[in-house]
Protein backbone atom coordinates (compact mmCIF):
# COMPACT_ATOMS: atom_id res chain seq x y z
CA MET A 1 6.33 -161.55 111.15
CA ALA A 2 9.11 -162.50 113.53
CA SER A 3 12.67 -162.48 112.18
CA GLU A 4 15.25 -165.21 112.78
CA PHE A 5 16.77 -163.12 115.57
CA ASP A 6 13.37 -162.48 117.16
CA LEU A 7 12.79 -166.26 117.29
CA ILE A 8 16.18 -166.87 118.89
CA ALA A 9 15.60 -164.16 121.48
CA ARG A 10 12.06 -165.32 122.25
CA TYR A 11 12.48 -169.08 122.46
CA PHE A 12 16.15 -169.93 122.89
CA THR A 13 17.83 -167.14 124.85
CA ARG A 14 18.16 -167.65 128.59
CA THR A 15 20.35 -165.94 131.15
CA ALA A 16 23.64 -167.83 131.16
CA PRO A 17 24.98 -169.12 134.48
CA THR A 18 27.82 -167.15 136.03
CA GLY A 19 31.09 -167.77 134.19
CA LEU A 20 29.44 -168.69 130.87
CA LEU A 21 28.88 -166.53 127.82
CA GLY A 22 25.81 -167.91 126.10
CA VAL A 23 23.50 -167.04 123.21
CA GLY A 24 24.13 -163.66 121.58
CA ASP A 25 27.80 -163.63 120.57
CA ASP A 26 29.88 -165.28 117.84
CA CYS A 27 30.97 -168.07 120.20
CA ALA A 28 29.94 -169.38 123.58
CA LEU A 29 32.52 -169.33 126.34
CA PHE A 30 32.61 -171.77 129.22
CA PRO A 31 35.29 -172.76 131.73
CA VAL A 32 36.54 -176.28 132.41
CA PRO A 33 37.75 -176.96 135.97
CA PRO A 34 41.49 -177.59 136.35
CA GLY A 35 42.42 -181.24 135.95
CA GLU A 36 39.31 -182.06 133.92
CA GLN A 37 38.77 -182.82 130.25
CA VAL A 38 36.02 -181.68 127.89
CA ALA A 39 33.63 -184.40 126.71
CA THR A 40 31.55 -183.54 123.66
CA SER A 41 29.02 -185.34 121.49
CA THR A 42 26.64 -184.42 118.69
CA ASP A 43 23.52 -185.98 117.21
CA LEU A 44 21.48 -185.17 114.12
CA LEU A 45 17.74 -185.90 114.16
CA LEU A 46 15.84 -185.92 110.87
CA GLU A 47 12.07 -185.86 110.37
CA GLY A 48 10.90 -189.20 108.99
CA ARG A 49 14.08 -190.95 110.06
CA HIS A 50 14.42 -190.27 113.79
CA PHE A 51 10.95 -188.98 114.62
CA PHE A 52 7.46 -188.95 113.13
CA PRO A 53 6.14 -185.65 111.69
CA ASP A 54 3.24 -185.53 114.16
CA VAL A 55 5.33 -186.01 117.31
CA ASP A 56 4.52 -183.77 120.27
CA PRO A 57 6.99 -180.86 119.87
CA LYS A 58 7.55 -180.67 123.62
CA ALA A 59 8.55 -184.34 123.63
CA LEU A 60 10.78 -183.75 120.61
CA GLY A 61 12.57 -180.88 122.37
CA HIS A 62 13.15 -183.15 125.35
CA LYS A 63 14.42 -186.06 123.26
CA ALA A 64 16.68 -183.90 121.07
CA LEU A 65 18.70 -183.03 124.16
CA ALA A 66 18.21 -186.36 125.96
CA VAL A 67 19.96 -188.43 123.31
CA ASN A 68 23.05 -186.24 123.65
CA LEU A 69 23.00 -186.16 127.44
CA SER A 70 22.90 -189.94 127.28
CA ASP A 71 26.31 -189.89 125.59
CA LEU A 72 27.70 -187.76 128.41
CA ALA A 73 26.20 -190.22 130.90
CA ALA A 74 28.00 -193.09 129.18
CA MET A 75 31.31 -191.28 129.67
CA GLY A 76 30.66 -190.33 133.27
CA ALA A 77 30.77 -186.65 132.29
CA ARG A 78 29.02 -183.78 134.04
CA PRO A 79 27.06 -181.58 131.58
CA ILE A 80 28.31 -178.02 131.05
CA GLY A 81 26.24 -176.67 128.15
CA CYS A 82 24.89 -177.35 124.68
CA VAL A 83 24.31 -175.79 121.27
CA LEU A 84 21.28 -176.30 119.04
CA GLY A 85 20.90 -176.18 115.26
CA LEU A 86 17.41 -176.04 113.75
CA ALA A 87 16.44 -176.26 110.08
CA LEU A 88 12.75 -175.31 109.93
CA PRO A 89 10.55 -175.81 106.85
CA ARG A 90 8.07 -173.20 108.12
CA LEU A 91 7.52 -170.73 110.93
CA ASP A 92 5.17 -172.17 113.54
CA GLU A 93 5.52 -170.24 116.79
CA PRO A 94 3.27 -172.47 118.94
CA TRP A 95 5.37 -175.46 117.78
CA LEU A 96 8.60 -173.59 118.58
CA ALA A 97 7.33 -172.59 122.01
CA ALA A 98 6.49 -176.20 122.91
CA PHE A 99 9.78 -177.52 121.51
CA ALA A 100 11.75 -174.92 123.47
CA GLU A 101 9.81 -175.73 126.65
CA GLY A 102 10.72 -179.43 126.43
CA PHE A 103 14.34 -178.65 125.59
CA HIS A 104 14.92 -176.08 128.33
CA ALA A 105 13.14 -178.16 130.98
CA LEU A 106 15.53 -181.09 130.53
CA ALA A 107 18.51 -178.72 130.25
CA ALA A 108 17.58 -177.25 133.63
CA VAL A 109 17.31 -180.69 135.26
CA HIS A 110 20.85 -181.62 134.24
CA GLY A 111 22.56 -178.23 134.45
CA CYS A 112 23.15 -178.09 130.69
CA PRO A 113 22.16 -174.58 129.50
CA LEU A 114 21.75 -173.73 125.83
CA VAL A 115 24.72 -171.49 125.02
CA GLY A 116 24.48 -171.11 121.24
CA GLY A 117 23.43 -172.56 117.92
CA ASP A 118 21.91 -171.65 114.57
CA THR A 119 18.54 -171.52 112.84
CA THR A 120 17.81 -171.67 109.15
CA ARG A 121 14.97 -172.45 106.73
CA SER A 122 14.93 -175.90 105.17
CA ALA A 123 13.46 -176.72 101.77
CA HIS A 124 11.37 -179.60 103.07
CA ASP A 125 11.61 -181.41 106.41
CA LEU A 126 12.68 -180.49 109.91
CA ALA A 127 16.26 -181.23 110.97
CA ILE A 128 17.68 -180.86 114.49
CA SER A 129 21.32 -180.96 115.54
CA VAL A 130 22.42 -180.80 119.17
CA THR A 131 25.97 -180.76 120.50
CA VAL A 132 26.64 -181.15 124.21
CA PHE A 133 29.71 -180.35 126.27
CA GLY A 134 30.63 -181.95 129.55
CA ALA A 135 33.54 -182.19 131.97
CA VAL A 136 35.16 -185.28 133.43
CA PRO A 137 38.27 -185.60 135.60
CA ALA A 138 41.36 -186.62 133.63
CA ASN A 139 41.64 -190.41 133.33
CA ALA A 140 38.22 -190.91 134.95
CA ALA A 141 36.02 -191.15 131.85
CA LEU A 142 34.01 -194.34 131.33
CA ARG A 143 35.28 -195.51 127.94
CA ARG A 144 34.38 -198.41 125.68
CA ASP A 145 37.85 -199.95 125.79
CA GLY A 146 38.10 -200.73 129.52
CA ALA A 147 36.12 -204.00 129.86
CA ARG A 148 38.12 -206.88 131.33
CA ALA A 149 37.63 -210.64 131.59
CA GLY A 150 35.75 -211.39 134.79
CA ASP A 151 33.66 -208.22 134.67
CA ASP A 152 29.91 -208.36 135.15
CA ILE A 153 27.73 -206.82 132.44
CA TRP A 154 24.97 -204.54 133.73
CA VAL A 155 22.06 -202.71 132.13
CA SER A 156 20.14 -199.80 133.63
CA GLY A 157 16.39 -199.35 133.37
CA GLU A 158 14.16 -201.47 131.15
CA LEU A 159 14.53 -202.69 127.58
CA GLY A 160 12.23 -203.08 124.60
CA ALA A 161 9.40 -200.59 125.09
CA ALA A 162 10.73 -197.94 122.69
CA ASP A 163 11.20 -200.52 119.92
CA VAL A 164 7.62 -201.73 120.27
CA ALA A 165 6.23 -198.18 120.32
CA TYR A 166 8.16 -197.36 117.15
CA ARG A 167 6.89 -200.44 115.34
CA LEU A 168 3.32 -199.68 116.37
CA LEU A 169 3.55 -196.08 115.14
CA ASP A 170 5.25 -197.21 111.93
CA GLY A 171 2.52 -199.74 111.15
CA GLN A 172 4.82 -202.76 111.48
CA TYR A 173 2.55 -204.16 114.21
CA PRO A 174 -1.26 -204.21 114.22
CA ALA A 175 -2.82 -201.21 115.95
CA ASP A 176 -2.98 -201.65 119.72
CA SER A 177 -3.87 -198.45 121.55
CA GLU A 178 -3.33 -199.96 125.01
CA LEU A 179 0.15 -201.26 124.19
CA LEU A 180 1.07 -197.99 122.48
CA ALA A 181 -0.03 -195.97 125.51
CA ALA A 182 2.13 -198.19 127.73
CA THR A 183 5.27 -197.92 125.57
CA ARG A 184 5.19 -194.55 123.81
CA GLY A 185 6.72 -192.63 126.70
CA ALA A 186 9.87 -194.76 126.45
CA LEU A 187 10.26 -193.77 122.80
CA GLU A 188 9.45 -190.08 123.02
CA TRP A 189 10.51 -189.16 126.58
CA PRO A 190 13.76 -191.04 127.29
CA GLU A 191 15.51 -190.17 130.56
CA PRO A 192 19.30 -189.89 130.17
CA GLN A 193 21.15 -191.63 133.00
CA VAL A 194 23.52 -188.79 133.84
CA PRO A 195 23.43 -189.29 137.64
CA LEU A 196 24.20 -192.99 137.21
CA GLY A 197 27.11 -192.29 134.89
CA LEU A 198 28.60 -189.91 137.45
CA ALA A 199 28.06 -192.40 140.28
CA LEU A 200 29.80 -195.19 138.35
CA ARG A 201 33.08 -193.31 137.95
CA GLY A 202 35.78 -195.30 139.67
CA ILE A 203 33.58 -198.41 139.74
CA ALA A 204 32.73 -199.34 136.15
CA HIS A 205 35.45 -200.37 133.73
CA ALA A 206 33.56 -199.58 130.49
CA ALA A 207 30.21 -198.12 129.47
CA ILE A 208 28.06 -197.22 126.48
CA ASP A 209 24.56 -195.86 126.05
CA ILE A 210 22.05 -198.11 124.31
CA SER A 211 20.89 -196.23 121.23
CA ASP A 212 21.00 -198.90 118.50
CA GLY A 213 20.18 -202.05 120.50
CA LEU A 214 21.81 -203.85 123.43
CA LEU A 215 23.64 -206.47 121.37
CA GLN A 216 24.98 -204.00 118.83
CA ASP A 217 26.09 -201.43 121.39
CA LEU A 218 27.62 -204.01 123.72
CA GLY A 219 29.44 -205.26 120.63
CA HIS A 220 31.22 -201.91 120.43
CA ILE A 221 32.55 -202.41 123.96
CA LEU A 222 33.71 -205.92 123.09
CA THR A 223 35.47 -204.72 119.96
CA ALA A 224 37.18 -201.79 121.67
CA SER A 225 38.18 -203.89 124.71
CA ARG A 226 39.08 -207.04 122.72
CA VAL A 227 37.02 -209.31 124.91
CA ASP A 228 34.06 -211.69 124.52
CA ALA A 229 30.77 -211.83 126.40
CA VAL A 230 28.04 -214.19 127.56
CA LEU A 231 24.53 -212.86 128.27
CA HIS A 232 21.54 -214.55 129.87
CA GLU A 233 18.24 -213.90 128.13
CA ASP A 234 16.15 -214.67 131.22
CA ARG A 235 17.94 -211.93 133.19
CA MET A 236 17.04 -209.16 130.73
CA PRO A 237 14.97 -206.34 132.30
CA ALA A 238 12.18 -206.35 129.72
CA ALA A 239 9.55 -203.64 130.14
CA ALA A 240 6.49 -205.04 131.93
CA ALA A 241 4.17 -203.81 129.16
CA LEU A 242 5.73 -206.33 126.76
CA ALA A 243 4.61 -209.40 128.72
CA GLY A 244 2.02 -210.45 126.13
CA LEU A 245 4.26 -210.20 123.05
CA PRO A 246 5.17 -213.27 120.99
CA ALA A 247 8.58 -214.65 121.96
CA ASP A 248 10.30 -213.58 118.74
CA ALA A 249 8.97 -210.01 118.95
CA LEU A 250 9.97 -209.77 122.61
CA ARG A 251 13.48 -211.03 121.84
CA ARG A 252 13.87 -208.57 118.97
CA ALA A 253 12.69 -205.66 121.14
CA VAL A 254 14.81 -206.48 124.19
CA LEU A 255 18.05 -207.58 122.53
CA GLY A 256 17.96 -205.59 119.30
CA GLY A 257 15.63 -202.66 119.92
CA GLY A 258 17.11 -199.15 119.86
CA ASP A 259 16.11 -195.75 121.25
CA VAL A 260 16.63 -197.03 124.79
CA TYR A 261 19.13 -194.43 126.12
CA GLN A 262 19.93 -196.50 129.17
CA LEU A 263 23.47 -197.53 130.09
CA CYS A 264 25.20 -200.83 129.44
CA PHE A 265 28.36 -201.09 131.52
CA THR A 266 30.89 -203.57 132.89
CA ALA A 267 32.31 -203.68 136.39
CA PRO A 268 34.40 -206.12 138.42
CA ALA A 269 32.41 -208.98 139.95
CA GLY A 270 33.88 -208.05 143.31
CA ARG A 271 32.24 -204.61 143.17
CA ARG A 272 28.62 -205.66 142.88
CA ASP A 273 27.70 -203.97 146.15
CA ALA A 274 29.37 -200.76 144.96
CA VAL A 275 27.39 -200.88 141.70
CA LEU A 276 24.11 -201.32 143.55
CA ALA A 277 25.01 -198.50 145.95
CA ALA A 278 25.83 -196.22 143.00
CA ALA A 279 22.47 -197.06 141.43
CA ARG A 280 20.66 -196.23 144.67
CA THR A 281 22.50 -192.91 144.88
CA ALA A 282 21.45 -192.11 141.31
CA GLY A 283 17.87 -193.31 141.76
CA ALA A 284 18.38 -195.87 139.00
CA ARG A 285 17.53 -199.51 138.52
CA VAL A 286 20.35 -201.77 137.34
CA THR A 287 20.32 -205.45 136.35
CA ARG A 288 23.25 -207.84 136.02
CA VAL A 289 22.71 -209.59 132.67
CA GLY A 290 25.97 -211.42 131.91
CA GLY A 291 29.72 -211.41 132.05
CA ILE A 292 32.88 -210.59 130.12
CA VAL A 293 35.17 -213.48 129.19
CA ALA A 294 38.64 -213.61 127.68
CA HIS A 295 38.84 -213.20 123.93
CA GLU A 296 39.14 -216.46 121.95
CA PRO A 297 40.86 -216.94 118.57
CA VAL A 298 38.60 -215.91 115.70
CA GLN A 299 38.91 -219.37 114.11
CA GLU A 300 37.08 -220.92 117.06
CA ALA A 301 34.37 -218.30 116.80
CA ILE A 302 33.84 -219.06 113.12
CA GLN A 303 33.48 -222.78 113.85
CA ALA A 304 30.88 -222.27 116.60
CA SER A 305 27.47 -222.27 114.90
CA SER A 306 25.78 -220.71 117.94
CA VAL A 307 27.99 -217.63 117.97
CA THR A 308 27.03 -214.25 116.59
CA ARG A 309 29.74 -211.76 115.68
CA ALA A 310 29.24 -208.46 117.44
CA GLY A 311 30.59 -205.04 116.55
CA ASP A 312 32.98 -204.12 113.79
CA SER A 313 36.68 -204.57 114.48
CA SER A 314 37.82 -203.46 111.03
CA ALA A 315 39.07 -200.16 112.46
CA ILE A 316 41.43 -201.95 114.87
CA PRO A 317 44.42 -203.38 112.95
CA GLY A 318 44.96 -207.04 113.74
CA ALA A 319 41.88 -207.32 115.96
CA ALA A 320 39.77 -210.46 115.76
CA ARG A 321 36.01 -210.11 115.92
CA PRO A 322 34.52 -210.55 119.40
CA ARG A 323 32.15 -213.34 120.32
CA LEU A 324 28.81 -212.52 121.91
CA VAL A 325 26.77 -215.50 123.09
CA VAL A 326 23.25 -215.26 124.52
CA LEU A 327 22.04 -218.21 126.58
CA ASP A 328 18.35 -219.06 126.86
CA ALA A 329 16.58 -220.08 130.08
CA THR A 330 17.90 -223.66 129.73
CA GLY A 331 21.50 -222.50 129.31
CA GLN A 332 21.62 -223.17 125.57
CA PRO A 333 23.06 -220.58 123.15
CA LEU A 334 20.56 -218.83 120.89
CA ALA A 335 21.35 -219.69 117.28
CA GLN A 336 19.88 -216.48 115.81
CA LEU A 337 20.20 -213.07 117.38
CA PRO A 338 18.44 -209.85 116.31
CA ALA A 339 20.48 -207.14 114.64
CA GLY A 340 20.59 -203.57 115.90
CA PHE A 341 19.88 -200.39 113.94
CA ASP A 342 22.18 -199.37 111.09
CA HIS A 343 21.70 -196.31 108.86
CA PHE A 344 23.65 -197.99 106.05
CA PRO A 345 23.04 -201.76 106.31
CA GLY A 346 25.23 -203.77 103.96
CA ALA A 347 27.34 -200.74 103.04
C-alpha cells in the first residue's frame, strides 16, 4: 500500500519552475519581483458543505484551485504558486489521480504551480484547503475600498446558473435533467477571471469576486468604500439556460446566487471604452449593470421602505450602512431582495 509520501510524490510533485523551490522541503521558496507585493488567499472546502460527495474528482480538483485564483483575479494579482492541504477519509488512488489532473491542469493554465502542502487522514469526510500566492505592483491592487460616486458597476460573465444547478442537485427544485445539464458546468467548473483582473489594473477603482451572491458581495465594496449603489435588474447577464424559470427563482439565482466566481467591479463612467477593451484583451464578457452614488445618511436609508441594507459596516467605526437599490424594468425599486450565502446566518 502506498505511503503518504508515495502519494505526494506520485500525484502532487511536479518540477518547479526556475527560481522556485517546490514540493519536497520544509517550506516552498519563491521570489517576488522588486516593487511588487504578495497577494495571498485561502479557502477551505468541506464535503457536504461546499461540494456533493459524488462530484467528479477532476472537477473538484479544478474548482478547489479556481475559487482561490478567483480571489487573485479580484485583486488584479498575477499567480505565483499555491499550496494544498488534503484530509482524506480513505485511500482511493483513481480518485486522487483524477483530482490531481484537474488541479494541475488549471494550475498550468494560470502559471500557478503547486509548491507545497500537507496530507492527512480524516475521521469522516473529505476536506480540502488551498492557499494561493500572487504578485501585484505596489499600489496597483484592485481593492474593495476604491469605489467612487459616479463609477459604473460591471459584472463579468453570466449569473445564476451555478445557483440553479446547486438547488437541482440538492433536491430544492424538481428534477430536470435538461436544466441540470445546462447549468452544472457553471457550478463544478468555474473559470477564474485572472486575465480580466490583470487587464483592469489602472482602469477599475474597486473589485470583488462573486462567491456568495452579487448583492452580498457588492455590498462589501459599498461598505469598504462608504458609497451607495443603484442596479438595474433588466441589465443583469442571466445565463441563457435560466430563461424558463419563474421570476422569483430567476431573481434569487441572478441577484443572490453564489458560486459564480466572476468579477464585480467599478470603474469611472468616462472609461467605458477602456473597460470594454480590457475585456476583449482578456477574452471576457462584461456587462454594465448599475452605478455608484454618493453615500446618504443612514436615517434616510432606514426611512426608505424600498431600500435593502447591504454588507456589514460594523467593523468600520462610525460607518453608516450602505444603500443598495435594485430597479425593475419599469424603474421602480424592488421591495424585497434575495440574501446571499452566509455560513452563520443570524449569528
